[in-house]
Amino acid sequence: MAATFCTQAELRTVLGIGTLYSDSVVEEVCQAAENIIKGHLWYNNYYAAARSLTDNFATLYFQQPHGMYVGQSVIITNAGSPFNGTKTITEINGATQVSALNYQNYSLTAYNYSITYAATGANQVKNPIQPFATVAATTNVDFGTVPEIREATTLIAVDIWQSRQLSNAGGVSPDGFTPSPYRMGNTLLARVRGLIANYLNPSGLVG
């Protein structure tokens, strides 16, 4: 899928490169910038550390409580076959009575550490998933339409592009001795953090 936070056409215009360079090269930079930004935004995602499959029902296990509920549709990735795909939750912690109507009260009185859903395949005993699988529930904000996020993505895309074009991926001060910080270093996101501050994932903030 083509990048939407900063499109090919937008990056070509900002860089002034017109039709120079292939679509695949420009798109790769747009995708990289979008992936970097997405990794820090507050999505309604949960991360499964283990899985099992019994009688065509899959169960994913989490190391922390989650906020999902029976009947909810989620998109599961990186869990392997037949666990991946768009699935409808049938059980939470082995219980089927939890619904969207009583989800709020339930979440306040119990820890939710697993989800179960239909999946056709051979039985599997509980086994770890490394790296963790992602379970994506509905997010109510379309980040691709938020101006601050689009601007931040464009700025990062420009930095990535310029790094590809410069031999030292940075610059040198006029005196010729003091190199500037590496363009793809730990300041890459710091330069745009102010733009995306209101949308950062709180679980990713430490200290």
N, C-alpha and C. Protein backbone atom coordinates (compact mmCIF):
# COMPACT_ATOMS: atom_id res chain seq x y z
N MET A 1 0.85 -1.19 0.00
CA MET A 1 0.00 0.00 0.00
C MET A 1 0.89 1.25 0.00
N ALA A 2 0.52 2.20 -0.83
CA ALA A 2 1.31 3.43 -0.93
C ALA A 2 1.20 4.25 0.35
N ALA A 3 2.28 4.94 0.67
CA ALA A 3 2.30 5.79 1.85
C ALA A 3 1.26 6.89 1.72
N THR A 4 0.62 7.24 2.84
CA THR A 4 -0.42 8.28 2.81
C THR A 4 -0.08 9.48 3.68
N PHE A 5 0.80 9.30 4.66
CA PHE A 5 1.17 10.43 5.52
C PHE A 5 1.97 11.46 4.74
N CYS A 6 2.81 10.98 3.84
CA CYS A 6 3.55 11.83 2.91
C CYS A 6 3.61 11.06 1.60
N THR A 7 2.90 11.52 0.60
CA THR A 7 2.81 10.78 -0.65
C THR A 7 4.02 11.04 -1.55
N GLN A 8 4.16 10.19 -2.54
CA GLN A 8 5.22 10.36 -3.52
C GLN A 8 5.17 11.74 -4.15
N ALA A 9 3.99 12.13 -4.59
CA ALA A 9 3.84 13.42 -5.27
C ALA A 9 4.24 14.56 -4.36
N GLU A 10 3.85 14.47 -3.10
CA GLU A 10 4.18 15.53 -2.14
C GLU A 10 5.68 15.61 -1.91
N LEU A 11 6.33 14.47 -1.77
CA LEU A 11 7.78 14.48 -1.52
C LEU A 11 8.53 14.98 -2.75
N ARG A 12 8.08 14.58 -3.93
CA ARG A 12 8.73 15.08 -5.15
C ARG A 12 8.64 16.61 -5.23
N THR A 13 7.48 17.15 -4.85
CA THR A 13 7.29 18.60 -4.91
C THR A 13 8.18 19.31 -3.89
N VAL A 14 8.20 18.80 -2.66
CA VAL A 14 9.02 19.42 -1.61
C VAL A 14 10.49 19.40 -1.97
N LEU A 15 10.96 18.29 -2.54
CA LEU A 15 12.37 18.15 -2.89
C LEU A 15 12.71 18.82 -4.21
N GLY A 16 11.69 19.11 -5.01
CA GLY A 16 11.92 19.72 -6.31
C GLY A 16 12.59 18.79 -7.30
N ILE A 17 12.28 17.50 -7.22
CA ILE A 17 12.95 16.53 -8.09
C ILE A 17 12.09 16.13 -9.28
N GLY A 18 10.88 16.68 -9.35
CA GLY A 18 10.03 16.40 -10.51
C GLY A 18 9.88 14.91 -10.76
N THR A 19 10.17 14.50 -12.01
CA THR A 19 10.04 13.09 -12.38
C THR A 19 11.37 12.35 -12.29
N LEU A 20 12.37 13.00 -11.73
CA LEU A 20 13.65 12.32 -11.53
C LEU A 20 13.47 11.18 -10.53
N TYR A 21 14.22 10.17 -10.67
CA TYR A 21 14.21 8.99 -9.79
C TYR A 21 12.93 8.18 -9.98
N SER A 22 13.09 6.90 -9.80
CA SER A 22 11.97 5.98 -10.02
C SER A 22 10.94 6.08 -8.90
N ASP A 23 9.72 5.67 -9.20
CA ASP A 23 8.66 5.67 -8.20
C ASP A 23 9.02 4.80 -7.01
N SER A 24 9.66 3.66 -7.27
CA SER A 24 9.98 2.73 -6.19
C SER A 24 10.95 3.35 -5.19
N VAL A 25 11.92 4.12 -5.67
CA VAL A 25 12.90 4.75 -4.79
C VAL A 25 12.24 5.82 -3.92
N VAL A 26 11.42 6.66 -4.52
CA VAL A 26 10.76 7.73 -3.78
C VAL A 26 9.74 7.15 -2.80
N GLU A 27 9.01 6.13 -3.24
CA GLU A 27 8.01 5.50 -2.38
C GLU A 27 8.65 4.85 -1.17
N GLU A 28 9.81 4.26 -1.36
CA GLU A 28 10.51 3.62 -0.24
C GLU A 28 10.83 4.63 0.86
N VAL A 29 11.23 5.83 0.48
CA VAL A 29 11.52 6.87 1.45
C VAL A 29 10.24 7.32 2.16
N CYS A 30 9.16 7.47 1.40
CA CYS A 30 7.87 7.85 2.00
C CYS A 30 7.41 6.80 3.00
N GLN A 31 7.54 5.53 2.63
CA GLN A 31 7.13 4.45 3.52
C GLN A 31 7.99 4.41 4.78
N ALA A 32 9.28 4.61 4.63
CA ALA A 32 10.18 4.59 5.78
C ALA A 32 9.81 5.70 6.77
N ALA A 33 9.56 6.89 6.26
CA ALA A 33 9.19 8.02 7.12
C ALA A 33 7.86 7.74 7.82
N GLU A 34 6.90 7.20 7.10
CA GLU A 34 5.59 6.90 7.69
C GLU A 34 5.71 5.83 8.78
N ASN A 35 6.52 4.81 8.51
CA ASN A 35 6.70 3.74 9.50
C ASN A 35 7.35 4.27 10.78
N ILE A 36 8.30 5.18 10.64
CA ILE A 36 8.95 5.77 11.81
C ILE A 36 7.94 6.52 12.66
N ILE A 37 7.11 7.35 12.02
CA ILE A 37 6.11 8.12 12.74
C ILE A 37 5.06 7.20 13.37
N LYS A 38 4.59 6.23 12.61
CA LYS A 38 3.55 5.32 13.11
C LYS A 38 4.00 4.57 14.36
N GLY A 39 5.30 4.28 14.43
CA GLY A 39 5.82 3.55 15.57
C GLY A 39 5.72 4.29 16.88
N HIS A 40 5.43 5.60 16.83
CA HIS A 40 5.36 6.40 18.05
C HIS A 40 3.96 6.95 18.33
N LEU A 41 3.01 6.69 17.43
CA LEU A 41 1.66 7.22 17.61
C LEU A 41 0.82 6.30 18.48
N TRP A 42 -0.25 6.86 19.04
CA TRP A 42 -1.11 6.13 19.96
C TRP A 42 -2.20 5.40 19.20
N TYR A 43 -1.89 4.17 18.82
CA TYR A 43 -2.88 3.31 18.19
C TYR A 43 -3.50 2.40 19.25
N ASN A 44 -4.65 1.83 18.92
CA ASN A 44 -5.34 0.92 19.84
C ASN A 44 -4.80 -0.50 19.60
N ASN A 45 -3.48 -0.65 19.84
CA ASN A 45 -2.80 -1.90 19.57
C ASN A 45 -2.40 -2.63 20.86
N TYR A 46 -2.36 -3.95 20.77
CA TYR A 46 -1.92 -4.78 21.88
C TYR A 46 -0.92 -5.80 21.33
N TYR A 47 -0.05 -6.32 22.19
CA TYR A 47 1.06 -7.16 21.71
C TYR A 47 1.04 -8.51 22.41
N ALA A 48 0.84 -9.55 21.61
CA ALA A 48 0.70 -10.91 22.13
C ALA A 48 2.06 -11.58 22.22
N ALA A 49 2.33 -12.20 23.37
CA ALA A 49 3.63 -12.84 23.61
C ALA A 49 3.60 -14.34 23.39
N ALA A 50 2.41 -14.95 23.32
CA ALA A 50 2.33 -16.40 23.13
C ALA A 50 1.02 -16.74 22.43
N ARG A 51 0.93 -17.98 21.94
CA ARG A 51 -0.25 -18.42 21.19
C ARG A 51 -0.49 -19.90 21.43
N SER A 52 -1.72 -20.33 21.20
CA SER A 52 -2.05 -21.75 21.22
C SER A 52 -3.25 -21.96 20.31
N LEU A 53 -3.47 -23.22 19.89
CA LEU A 53 -4.60 -23.54 19.02
C LEU A 53 -5.19 -24.87 19.45
N THR A 54 -6.47 -24.86 19.78
CA THR A 54 -7.15 -26.06 20.26
C THR A 54 -8.51 -26.18 19.59
N ASP A 55 -8.71 -27.28 18.85
CA ASP A 55 -10.00 -27.56 18.21
C ASP A 55 -10.50 -26.38 17.39
N ASN A 56 -9.60 -25.81 16.59
CA ASN A 56 -9.92 -24.71 15.67
C ASN A 56 -10.31 -23.41 16.37
N PHE A 57 -9.81 -23.26 17.59
CA PHE A 57 -9.92 -21.98 18.29
C PHE A 57 -8.53 -21.54 18.73
N ALA A 58 -8.15 -20.34 18.31
CA ALA A 58 -6.83 -19.80 18.65
C ALA A 58 -6.92 -18.93 19.88
N THR A 59 -5.87 -18.96 20.68
CA THR A 59 -5.78 -18.08 21.85
C THR A 59 -4.45 -17.35 21.82
N LEU A 60 -4.51 -16.04 22.01
CA LEU A 60 -3.30 -15.23 22.13
C LEU A 60 -3.19 -14.75 23.57
N TYR A 61 -1.96 -14.73 24.07
CA TYR A 61 -1.72 -14.38 25.48
C TYR A 61 -0.88 -13.11 25.55
N PHE A 62 -1.21 -12.27 26.54
CA PHE A 62 -0.56 -10.97 26.69
C PHE A 62 0.11 -10.87 28.06
N GLN A 63 1.19 -10.11 28.12
CA GLN A 63 1.91 -9.93 29.38
C GLN A 63 1.30 -8.83 30.24
N GLN A 64 0.42 -8.03 29.64
CA GLN A 64 -0.25 -6.96 30.37
C GLN A 64 -1.74 -7.01 30.07
N PRO A 65 -2.57 -6.45 30.94
CA PRO A 65 -4.01 -6.42 30.68
C PRO A 65 -4.32 -5.65 29.39
N HIS A 66 -5.37 -6.04 28.71
CA HIS A 66 -5.76 -5.35 27.49
C HIS A 66 -7.20 -4.86 27.63
N GLY A 67 -7.65 -4.06 26.66
CA GLY A 67 -8.99 -3.49 26.72
C GLY A 67 -9.94 -4.02 25.67
N MET A 68 -9.65 -5.21 25.13
CA MET A 68 -10.53 -5.78 24.09
C MET A 68 -11.73 -6.49 24.72
N TYR A 69 -12.72 -6.79 23.89
CA TYR A 69 -13.95 -7.39 24.41
C TYR A 69 -14.51 -8.41 23.42
N VAL A 70 -15.37 -9.28 23.92
CA VAL A 70 -16.01 -10.30 23.09
C VAL A 70 -16.87 -9.64 22.02
N GLY A 71 -16.75 -10.12 20.78
CA GLY A 71 -17.49 -9.55 19.67
C GLY A 71 -16.72 -8.51 18.89
N GLN A 72 -15.60 -8.05 19.43
CA GLN A 72 -14.80 -7.03 18.76
C GLN A 72 -14.02 -7.65 17.60
N SER A 73 -13.91 -6.91 16.51
CA SER A 73 -13.12 -7.33 15.35
C SER A 73 -11.73 -6.71 15.45
N VAL A 74 -10.70 -7.54 15.30
CA VAL A 74 -9.32 -7.07 15.40
C VAL A 74 -8.52 -7.61 14.22
N ILE A 75 -7.41 -6.93 13.92
CA ILE A 75 -6.52 -7.37 12.85
C ILE A 75 -5.22 -7.86 13.50
N ILE A 76 -4.89 -9.12 13.26
CA ILE A 76 -3.73 -9.73 13.90
C ILE A 76 -2.63 -9.94 12.87
N THR A 77 -1.43 -9.48 13.19
CA THR A 77 -0.27 -9.65 12.31
C THR A 77 0.91 -10.18 13.10
N ASN A 78 1.83 -10.81 12.39
CA ASN A 78 3.08 -11.33 12.96
C ASN A 78 2.87 -12.47 13.95
N ALA A 79 1.70 -13.11 13.90
CA ALA A 79 1.45 -14.25 14.79
C ALA A 79 1.61 -15.58 14.07
N GLY A 80 1.78 -15.52 12.75
CA GLY A 80 1.91 -16.74 11.97
C GLY A 80 0.55 -17.30 11.57
N SER A 81 0.58 -18.31 10.71
CA SER A 81 -0.64 -18.97 10.25
C SER A 81 -1.02 -20.09 11.21
N PRO A 82 -2.32 -20.25 11.51
CA PRO A 82 -3.51 -19.56 11.00
C PRO A 82 -3.99 -18.43 11.93
N PHE A 83 -3.08 -17.89 12.72
CA PHE A 83 -3.46 -16.89 13.72
C PHE A 83 -3.70 -15.51 13.11
N ASN A 84 -2.99 -15.20 12.02
CA ASN A 84 -3.09 -13.87 11.43
C ASN A 84 -4.43 -13.65 10.73
N GLY A 85 -4.78 -12.38 10.57
CA GLY A 85 -5.97 -12.02 9.80
C GLY A 85 -6.95 -11.18 10.61
N THR A 86 -8.06 -10.85 9.99
CA THR A 86 -9.13 -10.12 10.68
C THR A 86 -10.01 -11.14 11.41
N LYS A 87 -10.07 -11.02 12.72
CA LYS A 87 -10.73 -12.03 13.55
C LYS A 87 -11.76 -11.37 14.48
N THR A 88 -12.74 -12.14 14.89
CA THR A 88 -13.74 -11.68 15.85
C THR A 88 -13.53 -12.42 17.17
N ILE A 89 -13.34 -11.68 18.23
CA ILE A 89 -13.05 -12.27 19.54
C ILE A 89 -14.28 -13.00 20.08
N THR A 90 -14.06 -14.25 20.51
CA THR A 90 -15.16 -15.05 21.07
C THR A 90 -15.05 -15.23 22.57
N GLU A 91 -13.83 -15.09 23.11
CA GLU A 91 -13.65 -15.23 24.55
C GLU A 91 -12.55 -14.29 25.04
N ILE A 92 -12.70 -13.85 26.28
CA ILE A 92 -11.66 -13.09 26.98
C ILE A 92 -11.33 -13.88 28.24
N ASN A 93 -10.09 -14.28 28.38
CA ASN A 93 -9.70 -15.08 29.55
C ASN A 93 -10.59 -16.33 29.70
N GLY A 94 -11.01 -16.89 28.58
CA GLY A 94 -11.82 -18.08 28.63
C GLY A 94 -13.28 -17.84 28.92
N ALA A 95 -13.70 -16.58 29.03
CA ALA A 95 -15.09 -16.25 29.33
C ALA A 95 -15.78 -15.68 28.10
N THR A 96 -17.00 -16.13 27.84
CA THR A 96 -17.73 -15.67 26.66
C THR A 96 -18.77 -14.61 26.99
N GLN A 97 -18.99 -14.33 28.27
CA GLN A 97 -20.08 -13.43 28.64
C GLN A 97 -19.69 -11.96 28.55
N VAL A 98 -18.41 -11.65 28.31
CA VAL A 98 -17.98 -10.26 28.27
C VAL A 98 -18.35 -9.66 26.92
N SER A 99 -19.14 -8.63 26.91
CA SER A 99 -19.58 -8.00 25.67
C SER A 99 -19.23 -6.52 25.69
N ALA A 100 -19.50 -5.86 24.58
CA ALA A 100 -19.23 -4.42 24.51
C ALA A 100 -20.04 -3.67 25.54
N LEU A 101 -21.23 -4.21 25.92
CA LEU A 101 -22.11 -3.50 26.84
C LEU A 101 -21.56 -3.47 28.26
N ASN A 102 -20.89 -4.55 28.68
CA ASN A 102 -20.37 -4.56 30.05
C ASN A 102 -18.85 -4.56 30.09
N TYR A 103 -18.26 -4.24 28.97
CA TYR A 103 -16.79 -4.23 28.88
C TYR A 103 -16.17 -3.26 29.89
N GLN A 104 -16.74 -2.06 30.04
CA GLN A 104 -16.12 -1.07 30.92
C GLN A 104 -16.07 -1.57 32.37
N ASN A 105 -17.17 -2.07 32.87
CA ASN A 105 -17.19 -2.58 34.24
C ASN A 105 -16.27 -3.78 34.41
N TYR A 106 -16.25 -4.63 33.38
CA TYR A 106 -15.43 -5.84 33.46
C TYR A 106 -13.94 -5.46 33.55
N SER A 107 -13.55 -4.50 32.73
CA SER A 107 -12.13 -4.15 32.68
C SER A 107 -11.65 -3.55 34.00
N LEU A 108 -12.57 -3.01 34.77
CA LEU A 108 -12.20 -2.41 36.05
C LEU A 108 -12.07 -3.45 37.17
N THR A 109 -12.63 -4.63 36.95
CA THR A 109 -12.66 -5.61 38.02
C THR A 109 -11.87 -6.87 37.73
N ALA A 110 -11.30 -6.96 36.53
CA ALA A 110 -10.54 -8.17 36.20
C ALA A 110 -9.42 -7.82 35.22
N TYR A 111 -8.38 -8.62 35.24
CA TYR A 111 -7.28 -8.45 34.30
C TYR A 111 -7.52 -9.32 33.07
N ASN A 112 -7.41 -8.72 31.91
CA ASN A 112 -7.63 -9.44 30.66
C ASN A 112 -6.28 -9.80 30.05
N TYR A 113 -5.92 -11.07 30.09
CA TYR A 113 -4.62 -11.48 29.61
C TYR A 113 -4.66 -12.38 28.39
N SER A 114 -5.83 -12.70 27.86
CA SER A 114 -5.89 -13.54 26.66
C SER A 114 -7.14 -13.22 25.86
N ILE A 115 -7.09 -13.56 24.57
CA ILE A 115 -8.27 -13.50 23.70
C ILE A 115 -8.33 -14.81 22.92
N THR A 116 -9.55 -15.22 22.58
CA THR A 116 -9.75 -16.44 21.80
C THR A 116 -10.65 -16.13 20.62
N TYR A 117 -10.38 -16.78 19.48
CA TYR A 117 -11.17 -16.57 18.27
C TYR A 117 -11.05 -17.80 17.38
N ALA A 118 -11.93 -17.93 16.42
CA ALA A 118 -11.93 -19.08 15.53
C ALA A 118 -10.76 -19.01 14.55
N ALA A 119 -10.07 -20.13 14.39
CA ALA A 119 -8.97 -20.24 13.43
C ALA A 119 -8.78 -21.71 13.10
N THR A 120 -8.78 -22.05 11.84
CA THR A 120 -8.71 -23.44 11.42
C THR A 120 -7.27 -23.89 11.25
N GLY A 121 -6.90 -24.96 11.95
CA GLY A 121 -5.54 -25.47 11.84
C GLY A 121 -5.29 -26.58 12.83
N ALA A 122 -4.12 -27.18 12.73
CA ALA A 122 -3.74 -28.26 13.64
C ALA A 122 -3.50 -27.70 15.04
N ASN A 123 -3.83 -28.48 16.04
CA ASN A 123 -3.63 -28.04 17.43
C ASN A 123 -2.17 -27.68 17.70
N GLN A 124 -1.99 -26.63 18.51
CA GLN A 124 -0.66 -26.22 18.94
C GLN A 124 -0.69 -25.96 20.44
N VAL A 125 0.30 -26.47 21.14
CA VAL A 125 0.41 -26.15 22.56
C VAL A 125 0.85 -24.70 22.68
N LYS A 126 0.66 -24.12 23.85
CA LYS A 126 1.05 -22.73 24.08
C LYS A 126 2.54 -22.56 23.80
N ASN A 127 2.87 -21.60 22.94
CA ASN A 127 4.26 -21.37 22.55
C ASN A 127 4.51 -19.88 22.35
N PRO A 128 5.74 -19.43 22.55
CA PRO A 128 6.02 -17.99 22.49
C PRO A 128 6.00 -17.44 21.08
N ILE A 129 5.72 -16.14 20.97
CA ILE A 129 5.79 -15.41 19.71
C ILE A 129 6.90 -14.37 19.84
N GLN A 130 7.92 -14.48 19.03
CA GLN A 130 9.04 -13.53 19.09
C GLN A 130 9.43 -13.10 17.68
N PRO A 131 9.41 -11.82 17.34
CA PRO A 131 8.92 -10.72 18.18
C PRO A 131 7.41 -10.81 18.38
N PHE A 132 6.89 -10.05 19.33
CA PHE A 132 5.48 -10.13 19.68
C PHE A 132 4.58 -9.88 18.46
N ALA A 133 3.41 -10.53 18.47
CA ALA A 133 2.40 -10.28 17.45
C ALA A 133 1.63 -9.01 17.80
N THR A 134 1.11 -8.35 16.78
CA THR A 134 0.32 -7.14 16.99
C THR A 134 -1.16 -7.43 16.79
N VAL A 135 -1.96 -7.03 17.75
CA VAL A 135 -3.41 -7.15 17.64
C VAL A 135 -3.95 -5.72 17.58
N ALA A 136 -4.45 -5.34 16.41
CA ALA A 136 -4.89 -3.95 16.19
C ALA A 136 -6.40 -3.86 16.25
N ALA A 137 -6.89 -3.09 17.20
CA ALA A 137 -8.32 -2.80 17.30
C ALA A 137 -8.58 -1.44 16.64
N THR A 138 -9.83 -1.03 16.62
CA THR A 138 -10.21 0.20 15.93
C THR A 138 -9.56 1.42 16.59
N THR A 139 -9.00 2.29 15.76
CA THR A 139 -8.47 3.58 16.21
C THR A 139 -9.40 4.67 15.69
N ASN A 140 -9.83 5.56 16.56
CA ASN A 140 -10.84 6.55 16.18
C ASN A 140 -10.27 7.82 15.55
N VAL A 141 -8.95 7.87 15.39
CA VAL A 141 -8.33 9.03 14.76
C VAL A 141 -7.65 8.57 13.47
N ASP A 142 -7.94 9.27 12.37
CA ASP A 142 -7.27 9.00 11.11
C ASP A 142 -6.02 9.87 11.05
N PHE A 143 -4.90 9.30 11.48
CA PHE A 143 -3.67 10.09 11.59
C PHE A 143 -3.20 10.63 10.24
N GLY A 144 -3.60 9.97 9.17
CA GLY A 144 -3.19 10.44 7.84
C GLY A 144 -3.80 11.76 7.44
N THR A 145 -4.78 12.24 8.21
CA THR A 145 -5.42 13.53 7.91
C THR A 145 -5.03 14.62 8.89
N VAL A 146 -4.18 14.30 9.86
CA VAL A 146 -3.78 15.29 10.88
C VAL A 146 -2.61 16.10 10.33
N PRO A 147 -2.77 17.42 10.16
CA PRO A 147 -1.71 18.24 9.55
C PRO A 147 -0.35 18.12 10.24
N GLU A 148 -0.33 18.12 11.59
CA GLU A 148 0.94 18.05 12.30
C GLU A 148 1.70 16.76 11.99
N ILE A 149 0.95 15.67 11.90
CA ILE A 149 1.58 14.37 11.63
C ILE A 149 2.07 14.30 10.19
N ARG A 150 1.30 14.85 9.28
CA ARG A 150 1.73 14.87 7.88
C ARG A 150 2.99 15.73 7.71
N GLU A 151 3.03 16.86 8.41
CA GLU A 151 4.22 17.73 8.33
C GLU A 151 5.44 17.01 8.90
N ALA A 152 5.27 16.35 10.05
CA ALA A 152 6.39 15.64 10.67
C ALA A 152 6.90 14.53 9.77
N THR A 153 5.98 13.81 9.13
CA THR A 153 6.38 12.72 8.23
C THR A 153 7.15 13.27 7.03
N THR A 154 6.70 14.38 6.51
CA THR A 154 7.38 14.99 5.37
C THR A 154 8.80 15.42 5.75
N LEU A 155 8.94 16.02 6.93
CA LEU A 155 10.27 16.46 7.37
C LEU A 155 11.23 15.27 7.51
N ILE A 156 10.73 14.17 8.05
CA ILE A 156 11.58 12.99 8.20
C ILE A 156 11.91 12.40 6.83
N ALA A 157 10.94 12.39 5.93
CA ALA A 157 11.19 11.89 4.58
C ALA A 157 12.28 12.70 3.89
N VAL A 158 12.23 14.03 4.07
CA VAL A 158 13.26 14.89 3.48
C VAL A 158 14.63 14.55 4.05
N ASP A 159 14.70 14.36 5.36
CA ASP A 159 15.98 14.00 5.99
C ASP A 159 16.51 12.68 5.45
N ILE A 160 15.63 11.70 5.32
CA ILE A 160 16.07 10.40 4.79
C ILE A 160 16.58 10.55 3.37
N TRP A 161 15.85 11.32 2.57
CA TRP A 161 16.25 11.51 1.17
C TRP A 161 17.61 12.20 1.09
N GLN A 162 17.78 13.25 1.86
CA GLN A 162 19.05 13.98 1.80
C GLN A 162 20.21 13.13 2.31
N SER A 163 19.95 12.26 3.25
CA SER A 163 20.99 11.37 3.74
C SER A 163 21.46 10.41 2.67
N ARG A 164 20.54 10.02 1.79
CA ARG A 164 20.90 9.11 0.71
C ARG A 164 21.76 9.80 -0.34
N GLN A 165 21.61 11.12 -0.43
CA GLN A 165 22.30 11.85 -1.48
C GLN A 165 23.67 12.38 -1.06
N LEU A 166 23.90 12.54 0.25
CA LEU A 166 25.16 13.09 0.74
C LEU A 166 26.09 11.99 1.21
N SER A 167 27.34 12.09 0.84
CA SER A 167 28.29 11.03 1.16
C SER A 167 28.50 10.84 2.65
N ASN A 168 28.42 11.94 3.43
CA ASN A 168 28.65 11.81 4.87
C ASN A 168 27.35 11.90 5.66
N ALA A 169 26.21 11.91 4.97
CA ALA A 169 24.89 11.93 5.60
C ALA A 169 24.75 13.03 6.63
N GLY A 170 25.46 14.09 6.45
CA GLY A 170 25.37 15.19 7.39
C GLY A 170 25.92 16.43 6.73
N GLY A 171 26.70 17.19 7.44
CA GLY A 171 27.27 18.39 6.87
C GLY A 171 28.53 18.77 7.62
N VAL A 172 29.22 19.75 7.13
CA VAL A 172 30.44 20.21 7.77
C VAL A 172 30.35 21.71 7.96
N SER A 173 30.75 22.18 9.12
CA SER A 173 30.67 23.60 9.42
C SER A 173 31.65 24.37 8.54
N PRO A 174 31.45 25.68 8.41
CA PRO A 174 32.30 26.48 7.52
C PRO A 174 33.80 26.38 7.82
N ASP A 175 34.16 26.13 9.10
CA ASP A 175 35.58 26.08 9.40
C ASP A 175 36.22 24.77 8.93
N GLY A 176 35.38 23.84 8.49
CA GLY A 176 35.90 22.62 7.90
C GLY A 176 36.34 21.56 8.90
N PHE A 177 36.12 21.80 10.19
CA PHE A 177 36.62 20.84 11.18
C PHE A 177 35.52 20.16 11.98
N THR A 178 34.42 20.84 12.23
CA THR A 178 33.39 20.30 13.12
C THR A 178 32.23 19.73 12.32
N PRO A 179 32.09 18.41 12.27
CA PRO A 179 30.98 17.82 11.52
C PRO A 179 29.67 18.01 12.26
N SER A 180 28.60 18.13 11.51
CA SER A 180 27.28 18.24 12.13
C SER A 180 26.84 16.85 12.59
N PRO A 181 25.81 16.77 13.47
CA PRO A 181 25.34 15.45 13.92
C PRO A 181 24.88 14.60 12.75
N TYR A 182 25.05 13.31 12.87
CA TYR A 182 24.63 12.38 11.85
C TYR A 182 23.14 12.53 11.61
N ARG A 183 22.73 12.73 10.38
CA ARG A 183 21.35 13.06 10.05
C ARG A 183 20.37 11.97 10.46
N MET A 184 20.80 10.72 10.42
CA MET A 184 19.92 9.61 10.78
C MET A 184 20.14 9.14 12.21
N GLY A 185 20.70 9.98 13.05
CA GLY A 185 20.96 9.63 14.44
C GLY A 185 19.74 9.78 15.33
N ASN A 186 19.97 9.81 16.65
CA ASN A 186 18.85 9.82 17.59
C ASN A 186 18.11 11.15 17.64
N THR A 187 18.58 12.14 16.90
CA THR A 187 17.87 13.42 16.85
C THR A 187 16.84 13.46 15.73
N LEU A 188 16.78 12.40 14.93
CA LEU A 188 15.85 12.38 13.79
C LEU A 188 14.42 12.64 14.25
N LEU A 189 13.94 11.88 15.22
CA LEU A 189 12.57 12.06 15.71
C LEU A 189 12.46 13.26 16.62
N ALA A 190 13.53 13.57 17.35
CA ALA A 190 13.50 14.69 18.29
C ALA A 190 13.15 16.01 17.59
N ARG A 191 13.55 16.13 16.35
CA ARG A 191 13.30 17.38 15.62
C ARG A 191 11.82 17.58 15.31
N VAL A 192 11.05 16.51 15.31
CA VAL A 192 9.62 16.65 14.98
C VAL A 192 8.72 16.28 16.15
N ARG A 193 9.31 16.00 17.30
CA ARG A 193 8.51 15.55 18.44
C ARG A 193 7.47 16.59 18.85
N GLY A 194 7.80 17.86 18.71
CA GLY A 194 6.84 18.90 19.05
C GLY A 194 5.59 18.84 18.19
N LEU A 195 5.74 18.43 16.94
CA LEU A 195 4.60 18.34 16.04
C LEU A 195 3.67 17.19 16.40
N ILE A 196 4.24 16.08 16.85
CA ILE A 196 3.42 14.90 17.12
C ILE A 196 3.15 14.67 18.61
N ALA A 197 3.56 15.63 19.44
CA ALA A 197 3.47 15.46 20.90
C ALA A 197 2.08 15.07 21.38
N ASN A 198 1.06 15.67 20.80
CA ASN A 198 -0.32 15.41 21.25
C ASN A 198 -0.84 14.03 20.87
N TYR A 199 -0.08 13.31 20.04
CA TYR A 199 -0.56 12.03 19.53
C TYR A 199 0.38 10.87 19.89
N LEU A 200 1.36 11.12 20.75
CA LEU A 200 2.32 10.09 21.13
C LEU A 200 1.67 9.03 22.01
N ASN A 201 2.09 7.80 21.84
CA ASN A 201 1.59 6.70 22.66
C ASN A 201 2.08 6.87 24.10
N PRO A 202 1.18 7.03 25.07
CA PRO A 202 1.63 7.24 26.46
C PRO A 202 2.40 6.06 27.02
N SER A 203 2.15 4.85 26.54
CA SER A 203 2.89 3.69 27.06
C SER A 203 4.31 3.67 26.54
N GLY A 204 4.62 4.53 25.56
CA GLY A 204 5.98 4.59 25.05
C GLY A 204 6.78 5.71 25.69
N LEU A 205 6.18 6.46 26.59
CA LEU A 205 6.87 7.56 27.26
C LEU A 205 7.43 7.08 28.58
N VAL A 206 8.70 7.19 28.76
CA VAL A 206 9.37 6.73 29.98
C VAL A 206 10.01 7.91 30.67
N GLY A 207 9.83 7.99 32.00
CA GLY A 207 10.46 9.04 32.76
C GLY A 207 9.65 10.32 32.81
